[in-house]
Amino acid sequence: MPEPLPPWPATPPVHGSVRLREFADHDVSVAVDMGQDPYIPLIGSLPAHPTAQEALDWIQRQRGRWAEGAGFSFAIAEAESDHAVGAIGLWLRNPATGRATAGYAISPAHRGRGFASDALQALTTFAWTIPTLHRVELYIEPWNHGSIRVAEACGYHEEGLLRSHQQIGDSRRDMLLYAAIRAAGDGY
């Protein structure tokens, strides 16, 4: 039986222009938009070119991630309007290891405005409120310069290249491993 996850945050994590919150049914349009991206459906459970119902099904799966013990799946919402612009997750399949992984995606219509960096900063700050967590890892394909910039802007450091690390689509892909380590005083 998996170890229970820490509680859902009572106060939504925020940083800069974003607030991380639970997905809502009205976020269907951002899920549909993310499904138009050629890459996002390859790395998660959102189908390519989803119908409104498929997007809603994906949203409902995101809302269930915490209860099933996988981790925290948040909608990235503009802080002022609460309009969803993407998704971010903190995955804690085995919290006792002190490690988690994170992943994020911004819908194509909302890229280039700093939402990913603000969201990753909010997520990382939230991660350090979990006392047993000491390391958050990101796996980024070497060609994904935008994601590398986001990781580095948020204090993540490259630790190496993992060759043929992950199946994406129909091929094995190399991944760069980036990580943030809890600093003394973070979250205690």
N, C-alpha and C. Protein backbone atom coordinates (compact mmCIF):
# COMPACT_ATOMS: atom_id res chain seq x y z
N MET A 1 0.84 -1.18 0.00
CA MET A 1 0.00 0.00 0.00
C MET A 1 0.89 1.24 0.00
N PRO A 2 0.63 2.22 -0.89
CA PRO A 2 1.49 3.39 -0.94
C PRO A 2 1.35 4.25 0.32
N GLU A 3 2.46 4.90 0.64
CA GLU A 3 2.47 5.82 1.78
C GLU A 3 1.55 7.00 1.49
N PRO A 4 0.75 7.43 2.48
CA PRO A 4 -0.15 8.56 2.23
C PRO A 4 0.63 9.84 1.91
N LEU A 5 0.06 10.64 1.04
CA LEU A 5 0.69 11.90 0.67
C LEU A 5 0.40 12.96 1.73
N PRO A 6 1.24 13.99 1.77
CA PRO A 6 0.92 15.13 2.63
C PRO A 6 -0.41 15.73 2.20
N PRO A 7 -1.04 16.52 3.07
CA PRO A 7 -2.34 17.10 2.70
C PRO A 7 -2.23 18.09 1.53
N TRP A 8 -3.36 18.23 0.85
CA TRP A 8 -3.47 19.24 -0.21
C TRP A 8 -3.23 20.60 0.44
N PRO A 9 -2.51 21.52 -0.21
CA PRO A 9 -2.22 22.81 0.44
C PRO A 9 -3.50 23.60 0.77
N ALA A 10 -3.59 24.06 2.01
CA ALA A 10 -4.74 24.85 2.44
C ALA A 10 -4.77 26.20 1.74
N THR A 11 -3.59 26.73 1.46
CA THR A 11 -3.46 27.99 0.73
C THR A 11 -2.79 27.67 -0.61
N PRO A 12 -3.39 28.05 -1.73
CA PRO A 12 -2.77 27.73 -3.02
C PRO A 12 -1.37 28.33 -3.15
N PRO A 13 -0.42 27.54 -3.64
CA PRO A 13 0.92 28.09 -3.88
C PRO A 13 0.86 29.22 -4.92
N VAL A 14 1.56 30.30 -4.66
CA VAL A 14 1.59 31.44 -5.57
C VAL A 14 3.03 31.92 -5.75
N HIS A 15 3.26 32.51 -6.90
CA HIS A 15 4.53 33.20 -7.17
C HIS A 15 4.31 34.09 -8.38
N GLY A 16 4.73 35.31 -8.27
CA GLY A 16 4.63 36.23 -9.41
C GLY A 16 3.21 36.32 -9.93
N SER A 17 3.05 35.96 -11.19
CA SER A 17 1.76 36.13 -11.87
C SER A 17 0.85 34.91 -11.81
N VAL A 18 1.24 33.86 -11.07
CA VAL A 18 0.44 32.64 -11.09
C VAL A 18 0.04 32.16 -9.70
N ARG A 19 -1.02 31.39 -9.72
CA ARG A 19 -1.50 30.67 -8.54
C ARG A 19 -1.72 29.23 -8.98
N LEU A 20 -1.28 28.29 -8.19
CA LEU A 20 -1.50 26.87 -8.48
C LEU A 20 -2.75 26.43 -7.74
N ARG A 21 -3.66 25.84 -8.47
CA ARG A 21 -4.93 25.43 -7.86
C ARG A 21 -5.37 24.10 -8.45
N GLU A 22 -6.40 23.52 -7.83
CA GLU A 22 -6.97 22.29 -8.36
C GLU A 22 -7.62 22.58 -9.71
N PHE A 23 -7.56 21.62 -10.61
CA PHE A 23 -8.25 21.76 -11.89
C PHE A 23 -9.75 21.82 -11.68
N ALA A 24 -10.43 22.58 -12.52
CA ALA A 24 -11.89 22.71 -12.50
C ALA A 24 -12.44 22.36 -13.88
N ASP A 25 -13.70 21.97 -13.92
CA ASP A 25 -14.31 21.62 -15.21
C ASP A 25 -14.19 22.75 -16.23
N HIS A 26 -14.22 23.99 -15.79
CA HIS A 26 -14.17 25.11 -16.73
C HIS A 26 -12.77 25.30 -17.34
N ASP A 27 -11.80 24.47 -16.96
CA ASP A 27 -10.45 24.52 -17.55
C ASP A 27 -10.35 23.69 -18.84
N VAL A 28 -11.47 23.24 -19.35
CA VAL A 28 -11.47 22.41 -20.56
C VAL A 28 -10.74 23.11 -21.71
N SER A 29 -10.93 24.40 -21.87
CA SER A 29 -10.33 25.08 -23.02
C SER A 29 -8.81 25.04 -22.97
N VAL A 30 -8.21 25.15 -21.79
CA VAL A 30 -6.74 25.08 -21.72
C VAL A 30 -6.27 23.65 -22.01
N ALA A 31 -7.03 22.66 -21.58
CA ALA A 31 -6.66 21.27 -21.88
C ALA A 31 -6.75 21.01 -23.38
N VAL A 32 -7.80 21.52 -24.02
CA VAL A 32 -7.92 21.36 -25.47
C VAL A 32 -6.75 22.04 -26.17
N ASP A 33 -6.39 23.25 -25.72
CA ASP A 33 -5.27 23.98 -26.32
C ASP A 33 -3.95 23.22 -26.14
N MET A 34 -3.72 22.70 -24.93
CA MET A 34 -2.48 21.94 -24.71
C MET A 34 -2.43 20.69 -25.58
N GLY A 35 -3.59 20.10 -25.84
CA GLY A 35 -3.64 18.91 -26.69
C GLY A 35 -3.34 19.17 -28.15
N GLN A 36 -3.34 20.45 -28.57
CA GLN A 36 -2.99 20.80 -29.95
C GLN A 36 -1.48 20.83 -30.15
N ASP A 37 -0.73 20.95 -29.04
CA ASP A 37 0.73 20.98 -29.11
C ASP A 37 1.21 19.59 -29.55
N PRO A 38 2.20 19.51 -30.44
CA PRO A 38 2.64 18.19 -30.89
C PRO A 38 3.39 17.39 -29.82
N TYR A 39 3.91 18.06 -28.78
CA TYR A 39 4.74 17.37 -27.79
C TYR A 39 3.98 16.99 -26.52
N ILE A 40 3.13 17.87 -26.01
CA ILE A 40 2.47 17.63 -24.72
C ILE A 40 1.75 16.28 -24.66
N PRO A 41 0.98 15.88 -25.67
CA PRO A 41 0.33 14.57 -25.58
C PRO A 41 1.30 13.38 -25.55
N LEU A 42 2.52 13.57 -26.01
CA LEU A 42 3.49 12.48 -25.99
C LEU A 42 4.03 12.20 -24.59
N ILE A 43 3.96 13.18 -23.69
CA ILE A 43 4.61 13.03 -22.38
C ILE A 43 3.61 12.88 -21.23
N GLY A 44 2.35 12.73 -21.53
CA GLY A 44 1.36 12.60 -20.47
C GLY A 44 0.14 11.85 -20.96
N SER A 45 -0.95 12.01 -20.23
CA SER A 45 -2.17 11.27 -20.56
C SER A 45 -3.20 12.09 -21.34
N LEU A 46 -2.86 13.33 -21.68
CA LEU A 46 -3.77 14.15 -22.49
C LEU A 46 -3.68 13.70 -23.94
N PRO A 47 -4.83 13.32 -24.55
CA PRO A 47 -4.76 12.88 -25.94
C PRO A 47 -4.45 14.05 -26.89
N ALA A 48 -3.86 13.70 -28.01
CA ALA A 48 -3.62 14.71 -29.05
C ALA A 48 -4.97 15.14 -29.62
N HIS A 49 -5.12 16.43 -29.85
CA HIS A 49 -6.34 17.00 -30.44
C HIS A 49 -7.60 16.49 -29.72
N PRO A 50 -7.67 16.69 -28.40
CA PRO A 50 -8.80 16.12 -27.66
C PRO A 50 -10.12 16.82 -27.96
N THR A 51 -11.18 16.04 -27.88
CA THR A 51 -12.52 16.62 -27.89
C THR A 51 -12.73 17.28 -26.53
N ALA A 52 -13.80 18.04 -26.40
CA ALA A 52 -14.11 18.65 -25.10
C ALA A 52 -14.30 17.57 -24.04
N GLN A 53 -14.92 16.45 -24.40
CA GLN A 53 -15.13 15.37 -23.42
C GLN A 53 -13.79 14.73 -23.03
N GLU A 54 -12.91 14.50 -23.99
CA GLU A 54 -11.59 13.93 -23.66
C GLU A 54 -10.80 14.88 -22.77
N ALA A 55 -10.90 16.18 -23.02
CA ALA A 55 -10.22 17.16 -22.18
C ALA A 55 -10.80 17.15 -20.77
N LEU A 56 -12.12 17.04 -20.66
CA LEU A 56 -12.76 16.96 -19.34
C LEU A 56 -12.35 15.68 -18.61
N ASP A 57 -12.27 14.59 -19.33
CA ASP A 57 -11.81 13.33 -18.72
C ASP A 57 -10.39 13.49 -18.18
N TRP A 58 -9.52 14.17 -18.94
CA TRP A 58 -8.14 14.42 -18.49
C TRP A 58 -8.15 15.27 -17.22
N ILE A 59 -8.98 16.30 -17.19
CA ILE A 59 -9.08 17.15 -16.00
C ILE A 59 -9.51 16.32 -14.79
N GLN A 60 -10.47 15.45 -14.98
CA GLN A 60 -10.93 14.61 -13.88
C GLN A 60 -9.83 13.67 -13.41
N ARG A 61 -9.00 13.16 -14.33
CA ARG A 61 -7.85 12.34 -13.91
C ARG A 61 -6.87 13.16 -13.09
N GLN A 62 -6.66 14.43 -13.49
CA GLN A 62 -5.74 15.28 -12.74
C GLN A 62 -6.24 15.49 -11.32
N ARG A 63 -7.53 15.69 -11.16
CA ARG A 63 -8.11 15.88 -9.82
C ARG A 63 -7.96 14.63 -8.97
N GLY A 64 -7.82 13.48 -9.58
CA GLY A 64 -7.68 12.23 -8.82
C GLY A 64 -6.26 11.85 -8.47
N ARG A 65 -5.26 12.55 -8.99
CA ARG A 65 -3.86 12.17 -8.77
C ARG A 65 -3.47 12.15 -7.29
N TRP A 66 -3.93 13.13 -6.52
CA TRP A 66 -3.58 13.18 -5.10
C TRP A 66 -4.22 12.00 -4.37
N ALA A 67 -5.51 11.76 -4.60
CA ALA A 67 -6.22 10.68 -3.91
C ALA A 67 -5.62 9.31 -4.23
N GLU A 68 -5.12 9.14 -5.44
CA GLU A 68 -4.53 7.84 -5.81
C GLU A 68 -3.09 7.70 -5.32
N GLY A 69 -2.54 8.76 -4.73
CA GLY A 69 -1.20 8.69 -4.16
C GLY A 69 -0.07 9.01 -5.12
N ALA A 70 -0.39 9.55 -6.29
CA ALA A 70 0.65 9.86 -7.28
C ALA A 70 1.37 11.17 -6.98
N GLY A 71 0.65 12.15 -6.49
CA GLY A 71 1.24 13.45 -6.23
C GLY A 71 0.21 14.55 -6.39
N PHE A 72 0.73 15.75 -6.62
CA PHE A 72 -0.10 16.95 -6.71
C PHE A 72 -0.14 17.44 -8.15
N SER A 73 -1.31 17.45 -8.76
CA SER A 73 -1.48 17.96 -10.11
C SER A 73 -2.25 19.28 -10.01
N PHE A 74 -1.59 20.36 -10.40
CA PHE A 74 -2.17 21.69 -10.29
C PHE A 74 -2.44 22.30 -11.66
N ALA A 75 -3.51 23.06 -11.75
CA ALA A 75 -3.69 23.97 -12.87
C ALA A 75 -2.83 25.19 -12.57
N ILE A 76 -2.15 25.69 -13.57
CA ILE A 76 -1.43 26.96 -13.45
C ILE A 76 -2.42 28.03 -13.88
N ALA A 77 -2.78 28.92 -12.95
CA ALA A 77 -3.78 29.94 -13.25
C ALA A 77 -3.18 31.32 -13.09
N GLU A 78 -3.58 32.23 -13.98
CA GLU A 78 -3.19 33.63 -13.81
C GLU A 78 -3.74 34.09 -12.46
N ALA A 79 -2.90 34.70 -11.65
CA ALA A 79 -3.30 35.08 -10.29
C ALA A 79 -4.48 36.04 -10.29
N GLU A 80 -4.51 36.99 -11.19
CA GLU A 80 -5.57 38.00 -11.18
C GLU A 80 -6.90 37.48 -11.73
N SER A 81 -6.85 36.76 -12.84
CA SER A 81 -8.10 36.33 -13.50
C SER A 81 -8.55 34.93 -13.13
N ASP A 82 -7.66 34.12 -12.57
CA ASP A 82 -7.88 32.70 -12.27
C ASP A 82 -8.03 31.86 -13.54
N HIS A 83 -7.71 32.43 -14.70
CA HIS A 83 -7.78 31.71 -15.98
C HIS A 83 -6.60 30.74 -16.08
N ALA A 84 -6.88 29.45 -16.32
CA ALA A 84 -5.83 28.44 -16.43
C ALA A 84 -5.01 28.65 -17.69
N VAL A 85 -3.69 28.51 -17.55
CA VAL A 85 -2.77 28.67 -18.68
C VAL A 85 -1.89 27.45 -18.89
N GLY A 86 -1.98 26.47 -18.00
CA GLY A 86 -1.15 25.28 -18.13
C GLY A 86 -1.34 24.34 -16.95
N ALA A 87 -0.39 23.42 -16.83
CA ALA A 87 -0.45 22.39 -15.79
C ALA A 87 0.94 22.18 -15.22
N ILE A 88 0.99 21.81 -13.95
CA ILE A 88 2.25 21.49 -13.29
C ILE A 88 1.98 20.43 -12.24
N GLY A 89 2.92 19.53 -12.06
CA GLY A 89 2.73 18.48 -11.08
C GLY A 89 3.97 18.23 -10.25
N LEU A 90 3.75 17.83 -9.02
CA LEU A 90 4.80 17.37 -8.11
C LEU A 90 4.46 15.92 -7.82
N TRP A 91 5.30 15.00 -8.31
CA TRP A 91 5.00 13.58 -8.26
C TRP A 91 5.81 12.92 -7.15
N LEU A 92 5.08 12.30 -6.22
CA LEU A 92 5.67 11.72 -5.00
C LEU A 92 5.26 10.26 -4.86
N ARG A 93 5.69 9.44 -5.76
CA ARG A 93 5.26 8.04 -5.72
C ARG A 93 5.75 7.33 -4.45
N ASN A 94 6.87 7.76 -3.90
CA ASN A 94 7.38 7.16 -2.66
C ASN A 94 8.01 8.27 -1.81
N PRO A 95 7.19 8.99 -1.04
CA PRO A 95 7.71 10.14 -0.28
C PRO A 95 8.85 9.81 0.67
N ALA A 96 8.93 8.56 1.14
CA ALA A 96 9.98 8.20 2.10
C ALA A 96 11.38 8.32 1.51
N THR A 97 11.52 8.34 0.19
CA THR A 97 12.84 8.48 -0.43
C THR A 97 13.39 9.90 -0.32
N GLY A 98 12.50 10.86 -0.02
CA GLY A 98 12.92 12.26 0.05
C GLY A 98 13.03 12.92 -1.31
N ARG A 99 12.60 12.20 -2.37
CA ARG A 99 12.70 12.71 -3.74
C ARG A 99 11.33 12.83 -4.38
N ALA A 100 11.22 13.81 -5.25
CA ALA A 100 10.01 13.98 -6.06
C ALA A 100 10.45 14.38 -7.46
N THR A 101 9.56 14.23 -8.42
CA THR A 101 9.80 14.75 -9.75
C THR A 101 8.74 15.80 -10.03
N ALA A 102 9.05 16.70 -10.92
CA ALA A 102 8.11 17.74 -11.31
C ALA A 102 8.04 17.78 -12.83
N GLY A 103 6.92 18.24 -13.32
CA GLY A 103 6.74 18.44 -14.75
C GLY A 103 5.76 19.57 -14.96
N TYR A 104 5.90 20.27 -16.08
CA TYR A 104 5.06 21.43 -16.34
C TYR A 104 4.85 21.59 -17.83
N ALA A 105 3.72 22.20 -18.16
CA ALA A 105 3.40 22.50 -19.56
C ALA A 105 2.52 23.74 -19.59
N ILE A 106 2.84 24.63 -20.49
CA ILE A 106 2.05 25.84 -20.71
C ILE A 106 1.37 25.70 -22.07
N SER A 107 0.11 26.07 -22.13
CA SER A 107 -0.60 25.96 -23.41
C SER A 107 0.08 26.86 -24.44
N PRO A 108 0.08 26.46 -25.70
CA PRO A 108 0.74 27.26 -26.73
C PRO A 108 0.29 28.72 -26.76
N ALA A 109 -0.97 28.98 -26.47
CA ALA A 109 -1.50 30.35 -26.51
C ALA A 109 -0.96 31.24 -25.39
N HIS A 110 -0.33 30.65 -24.38
CA HIS A 110 0.10 31.43 -23.21
C HIS A 110 1.61 31.40 -22.98
N ARG A 111 2.37 30.92 -23.92
CA ARG A 111 3.82 30.82 -23.74
C ARG A 111 4.50 32.17 -23.89
N GLY A 112 5.70 32.26 -23.33
CA GLY A 112 6.51 33.46 -23.49
C GLY A 112 6.17 34.59 -22.54
N ARG A 113 5.39 34.32 -21.50
CA ARG A 113 4.99 35.36 -20.56
C ARG A 113 5.48 35.11 -19.14
N GLY A 114 6.35 34.12 -18.97
CA GLY A 114 6.90 33.85 -17.65
C GLY A 114 6.06 32.96 -16.77
N PHE A 115 4.96 32.41 -17.29
CA PHE A 115 4.09 31.58 -16.47
C PHE A 115 4.80 30.30 -15.99
N ALA A 116 5.60 29.68 -16.85
CA ALA A 116 6.26 28.43 -16.45
C ALA A 116 7.25 28.68 -15.32
N SER A 117 8.05 29.74 -15.41
CA SER A 117 9.01 30.04 -14.35
C SER A 117 8.30 30.36 -13.04
N ASP A 118 7.25 31.17 -13.11
CA ASP A 118 6.51 31.49 -11.89
C ASP A 118 5.89 30.22 -11.29
N ALA A 119 5.35 29.36 -12.14
CA ALA A 119 4.71 28.14 -11.65
C ALA A 119 5.73 27.19 -11.02
N LEU A 120 6.89 27.02 -11.67
CA LEU A 120 7.90 26.13 -11.10
C LEU A 120 8.43 26.69 -9.79
N GLN A 121 8.57 28.00 -9.69
CA GLN A 121 9.01 28.59 -8.43
C GLN A 121 7.96 28.35 -7.33
N ALA A 122 6.68 28.53 -7.66
CA ALA A 122 5.61 28.28 -6.69
C ALA A 122 5.60 26.81 -6.26
N LEU A 123 5.76 25.91 -7.22
CA LEU A 123 5.74 24.48 -6.92
C LEU A 123 6.93 24.09 -6.04
N THR A 124 8.11 24.63 -6.36
CA THR A 124 9.30 24.30 -5.58
C THR A 124 9.18 24.82 -4.16
N THR A 125 8.68 26.02 -4.00
CA THR A 125 8.45 26.57 -2.66
C THR A 125 7.47 25.69 -1.89
N PHE A 126 6.40 25.27 -2.56
CA PHE A 126 5.45 24.34 -1.94
C PHE A 126 6.14 23.03 -1.57
N ALA A 127 6.99 22.51 -2.44
CA ALA A 127 7.67 21.23 -2.18
C ALA A 127 8.44 21.29 -0.86
N TRP A 128 9.05 22.42 -0.59
CA TRP A 128 9.85 22.51 0.64
C TRP A 128 9.00 22.62 1.90
N THR A 129 7.68 22.71 1.77
CA THR A 129 6.82 22.64 2.95
C THR A 129 6.57 21.20 3.37
N ILE A 130 6.97 20.26 2.54
CA ILE A 130 6.83 18.83 2.86
C ILE A 130 8.11 18.40 3.58
N PRO A 131 8.04 18.17 4.89
CA PRO A 131 9.25 17.96 5.68
C PRO A 131 10.16 16.83 5.20
N THR A 132 9.60 15.77 4.64
CA THR A 132 10.43 14.63 4.22
C THR A 132 11.07 14.82 2.86
N LEU A 133 10.72 15.88 2.16
CA LEU A 133 11.22 16.08 0.79
C LEU A 133 12.51 16.88 0.80
N HIS A 134 13.52 16.37 0.11
CA HIS A 134 14.83 17.03 0.07
C HIS A 134 15.35 17.29 -1.34
N ARG A 135 14.66 16.74 -2.34
CA ARG A 135 15.15 16.85 -3.71
C ARG A 135 13.97 16.81 -4.67
N VAL A 136 13.97 17.74 -5.65
CA VAL A 136 12.98 17.73 -6.72
C VAL A 136 13.74 17.63 -8.03
N GLU A 137 13.36 16.67 -8.85
CA GLU A 137 14.05 16.41 -10.11
C GLU A 137 13.16 16.77 -11.30
N LEU A 138 13.82 17.23 -12.35
CA LEU A 138 13.19 17.49 -13.64
C LEU A 138 13.92 16.67 -14.69
N TYR A 139 13.19 16.12 -15.65
CA TYR A 139 13.78 15.41 -16.78
C TYR A 139 13.41 16.18 -18.03
N ILE A 140 14.42 16.69 -18.73
CA ILE A 140 14.20 17.61 -19.85
C ILE A 140 14.99 17.11 -21.06
N GLU A 141 14.32 17.03 -22.19
CA GLU A 141 15.04 16.64 -23.41
C GLU A 141 16.05 17.73 -23.77
N PRO A 142 17.24 17.34 -24.24
CA PRO A 142 18.31 18.32 -24.52
C PRO A 142 17.92 19.41 -25.52
N TRP A 143 16.99 19.15 -26.42
CA TRP A 143 16.59 20.16 -27.41
C TRP A 143 15.66 21.22 -26.81
N ASN A 144 15.10 20.96 -25.62
CA ASN A 144 14.04 21.82 -25.07
C ASN A 144 14.66 23.00 -24.30
N HIS A 145 15.19 23.95 -25.06
CA HIS A 145 15.90 25.10 -24.47
C HIS A 145 14.99 25.97 -23.60
N GLY A 146 13.72 26.09 -23.96
CA GLY A 146 12.80 26.87 -23.15
C GLY A 146 12.64 26.27 -21.76
N SER A 147 12.48 24.96 -21.69
CA SER A 147 12.33 24.29 -20.39
C SER A 147 13.63 24.36 -19.59
N ILE A 148 14.76 24.26 -20.27
CA ILE A 148 16.06 24.39 -19.59
C ILE A 148 16.17 25.78 -18.97
N ARG A 149 15.79 26.81 -19.71
CA ARG A 149 15.84 28.18 -19.16
C ARG A 149 14.94 28.32 -17.93
N VAL A 150 13.76 27.73 -17.99
CA VAL A 150 12.84 27.77 -16.84
C VAL A 150 13.50 27.10 -15.63
N ALA A 151 14.03 25.90 -15.83
CA ALA A 151 14.66 25.17 -14.73
C ALA A 151 15.79 25.98 -14.10
N GLU A 152 16.66 26.51 -14.93
CA GLU A 152 17.81 27.25 -14.42
C GLU A 152 17.39 28.55 -13.74
N ALA A 153 16.37 29.21 -14.26
CA ALA A 153 15.88 30.45 -13.64
C ALA A 153 15.31 30.19 -12.25
N CYS A 154 14.86 28.95 -12.02
CA CYS A 154 14.26 28.60 -10.73
C CYS A 154 15.24 27.91 -9.78
N GLY A 155 16.52 27.94 -10.13
CA GLY A 155 17.53 27.39 -9.23
C GLY A 155 17.81 25.91 -9.37
N TYR A 156 17.32 25.30 -10.42
CA TYR A 156 17.63 23.89 -10.68
C TYR A 156 18.98 23.82 -11.40
N HIS A 157 19.75 22.78 -11.09
CA HIS A 157 21.08 22.61 -11.67
C HIS A 157 21.13 21.33 -12.49
N GLU A 158 21.80 21.41 -13.63
CA GLU A 158 21.98 20.24 -14.47
C GLU A 158 22.94 19.28 -13.78
N GLU A 159 22.54 18.00 -13.73
CA GLU A 159 23.38 16.99 -13.10
C GLU A 159 23.91 15.96 -14.08
N GLY A 160 23.40 15.96 -15.30
CA GLY A 160 23.93 15.03 -16.27
C GLY A 160 22.93 14.62 -17.33
N LEU A 161 23.43 13.84 -18.28
CA LEU A 161 22.63 13.33 -19.38
C LEU A 161 22.32 11.86 -19.11
N LEU A 162 21.04 11.53 -19.16
CA LEU A 162 20.59 10.15 -19.00
C LEU A 162 20.25 9.63 -20.39
N ARG A 163 21.12 8.78 -20.91
CA ARG A 163 20.95 8.31 -22.28
C ARG A 163 19.83 7.28 -22.37
N SER A 164 19.01 7.40 -23.41
CA SER A 164 17.90 6.49 -23.68
C SER A 164 17.05 6.28 -22.42
N HIS A 165 16.77 7.37 -21.73
CA HIS A 165 16.13 7.30 -20.41
C HIS A 165 14.63 7.06 -20.44
N GLN A 166 13.95 7.60 -21.45
CA GLN A 166 12.49 7.59 -21.38
C GLN A 166 11.87 7.35 -22.75
N GLN A 167 10.81 6.58 -22.75
CA GLN A 167 10.04 6.36 -23.97
C GLN A 167 9.11 7.55 -24.16
N ILE A 168 9.22 8.24 -25.27
CA ILE A 168 8.33 9.34 -25.62
C ILE A 168 7.87 9.08 -27.05
N GLY A 169 6.56 8.96 -27.19
CA GLY A 169 6.05 8.60 -28.51
C GLY A 169 6.54 7.21 -28.86
N ASP A 170 7.16 7.08 -30.02
CA ASP A 170 7.61 5.77 -30.47
C ASP A 170 9.12 5.58 -30.39
N SER A 171 9.80 6.41 -29.57
CA SER A 171 11.26 6.25 -29.48
C SER A 171 11.77 6.51 -28.07
N ARG A 172 12.93 5.95 -27.79
CA ARG A 172 13.62 6.20 -26.53
C ARG A 172 14.32 7.55 -26.67
N ARG A 173 14.29 8.35 -25.61
CA ARG A 173 14.86 9.69 -25.67
C ARG A 173 15.86 9.89 -24.54
N ASP A 174 16.91 10.66 -24.86
CA ASP A 174 17.85 11.11 -23.84
C ASP A 174 17.17 12.20 -23.02
N MET A 175 17.54 12.29 -21.75
CA MET A 175 17.01 13.32 -20.87
C MET A 175 18.14 13.95 -20.08
N LEU A 176 18.06 15.25 -19.94
CA LEU A 176 18.94 15.94 -19.01
C LEU A 176 18.27 15.87 -17.64
N LEU A 177 19.06 15.57 -16.62
CA LEU A 177 18.56 15.55 -15.25
C LEU A 177 18.91 16.89 -14.61
N TYR A 178 17.89 17.60 -14.17
CA TYR A 178 18.04 18.83 -13.41
C TYR A 178 17.46 18.57 -12.03
N ALA A 179 18.04 19.19 -11.00
CA ALA A 179 17.51 19.00 -9.65
C ALA A 179 17.67 20.26 -8.82
N ALA A 180 16.75 20.40 -7.88
CA ALA A 180 16.85 21.41 -6.83
C ALA A 180 16.94 20.65 -5.51
N ILE A 181 17.78 21.13 -4.65
CA ILE A 181 18.00 20.51 -3.35
C ILE A 181 17.52 21.48 -2.28
N ARG A 182 16.85 20.93 -1.27
CA ARG A 182 16.40 21.76 -0.16
C ARG A 182 17.59 22.45 0.48
N ALA A 183 17.51 23.75 0.59
CA ALA A 183 18.54 24.53 1.28
C ALA A 183 18.22 24.57 2.77
N ALA A 184 19.23 24.77 3.58
CA ALA A 184 19.02 24.91 5.01
C ALA A 184 17.99 26.00 5.26
N GLY A 185 16.98 25.68 6.05
CA GLY A 185 15.95 26.66 6.38
C GLY A 185 14.75 26.63 5.48
N ASP A 186 14.78 25.90 4.35
CA ASP A 186 13.62 25.82 3.45
C ASP A 186 12.53 24.96 4.08
N GLY A 187 11.41 25.55 4.36
CA GLY A 187 10.25 24.79 4.79
C GLY A 187 10.29 24.23 6.19
N TYR A 188 11.26 24.56 6.99
CA TYR A 188 11.30 24.03 8.36
C TYR A 188 10.79 25.05 9.34
